């Protein structure tokens, strides 16, 4: 937890959210100050293994367009 508190103190990291049941960490950061590889490195140095990146927002599902009835 001490290592994670140090991540929280990095200029540009806005918020860290832990979900123990889902085993996830959500990091909100200022993209003008940090980038994704730097955030990954900070988390690895804190002792967390990054298994996969989860998208923050799901892509919208496109519904099929129904064909107009023939006349």
Protein backbone atom coordinates (compact mmCIF):
# COMPACT_ATOMS: atom_id res chain seq x y z
CA UNK A 1 0.00 0.00 0.00
CA UNK A 2 2.94 2.31 0.61
CA UNK A 3 4.06 1.84 -3.01
CA UNK A 4 0.53 2.61 -4.24
CA UNK A 5 0.40 5.77 -2.15
CA UNK A 6 3.57 6.86 -3.93
CA UNK A 7 1.87 6.32 -7.29
CA UNK A 8 -0.98 8.50 -6.10
CA UNK A 9 1.52 11.27 -5.31
CA UNK A 10 2.89 11.36 -8.88
CA UNK A 11 2.05 14.65 -10.54
CA UNK A 12 -0.60 13.88 -13.13
CA UNK A 13 -2.25 10.92 -11.39
CA UNK A 14 -5.71 12.10 -10.43
CA UNK A 15 -7.33 9.04 -8.92
CA UNK A 16 -6.78 5.35 -8.20
CA UNK A 17 -9.69 2.99 -7.65
CA UNK A 18 -9.25 -0.60 -6.48
CA UNK A 19 -11.84 -3.33 -6.88
CA UNK A 20 -10.66 -6.40 -4.99
CA UNK A 21 -13.52 -8.65 -6.07
CA UNK A 22 -12.85 -8.01 -9.77
CA UNK A 23 -9.10 -7.66 -9.19
CA UNK A 24 -8.92 -4.41 -11.11
CA UNK A 25 -7.30 -1.01 -10.70
CA UNK A 26 -8.68 2.06 -12.45
CA UNK A 27 -6.25 4.91 -12.91
CA UNK A 28 -7.41 8.37 -13.89
CA UNK A 29 -4.53 10.52 -15.09
CA UNK A 30 -3.82 13.75 -16.89
CA UNK A 31 -2.89 12.78 -20.43
CA UNK A 32 -1.04 16.05 -20.92
CA UNK A 33 1.39 15.03 -18.18
CA UNK A 34 1.54 11.22 -18.41
CA UNK A 35 0.97 8.57 -21.04
CA UNK A 36 -0.17 4.96 -20.82
CA UNK A 37 3.30 3.33 -20.83
CA UNK A 38 4.40 5.58 -17.94
CA UNK A 39 1.29 4.68 -15.92
CA UNK A 40 1.95 0.96 -16.57
CA UNK A 41 5.52 1.41 -15.39
CA UNK A 42 4.36 3.17 -12.21
CA UNK A 43 1.94 0.33 -11.43
CA UNK A 44 4.58 -2.34 -12.10
CA UNK A 45 7.03 -0.57 -9.79
CA UNK A 46 4.31 -0.57 -7.12
CA UNK A 47 4.18 -4.36 -7.40
CA UNK A 48 1.07 -4.83 -9.54
CA UNK A 49 1.06 -7.22 -12.49
CA UNK A 50 -0.78 -5.79 -15.47
CA UNK A 51 -2.51 -8.66 -17.19
CA UNK A 52 -4.75 -6.80 -19.60
CA UNK A 53 -5.97 -3.32 -20.40
CA UNK A 54 -9.70 -2.85 -20.13
CA UNK A 55 -11.39 -0.13 -22.17
CA UNK A 56 -12.99 2.64 -20.18
CA UNK A 57 -15.92 2.85 -22.55
CA UNK A 58 -17.44 0.09 -24.64
CA UNK A 59 -17.77 0.72 -28.36
CA UNK A 60 -21.39 1.28 -29.39
CA UNK A 61 -23.11 -1.71 -30.89
CA UNK A 62 -24.42 -1.00 -34.36
CA UNK A 63 -27.85 -2.43 -34.92
CA UNK A 64 -28.57 -3.86 -38.37
CA UNK A 65 -30.67 -1.61 -40.56
CA UNK A 66 -33.92 -3.23 -41.64
CA UNK A 67 -34.45 -3.31 -45.41
CA UNK A 68 -37.40 -1.32 -46.76
CA UNK A 69 -40.31 -3.52 -47.90
CA UNK A 70 -40.55 -4.01 -51.65
CA UNK A 71 -43.54 -2.37 -53.29
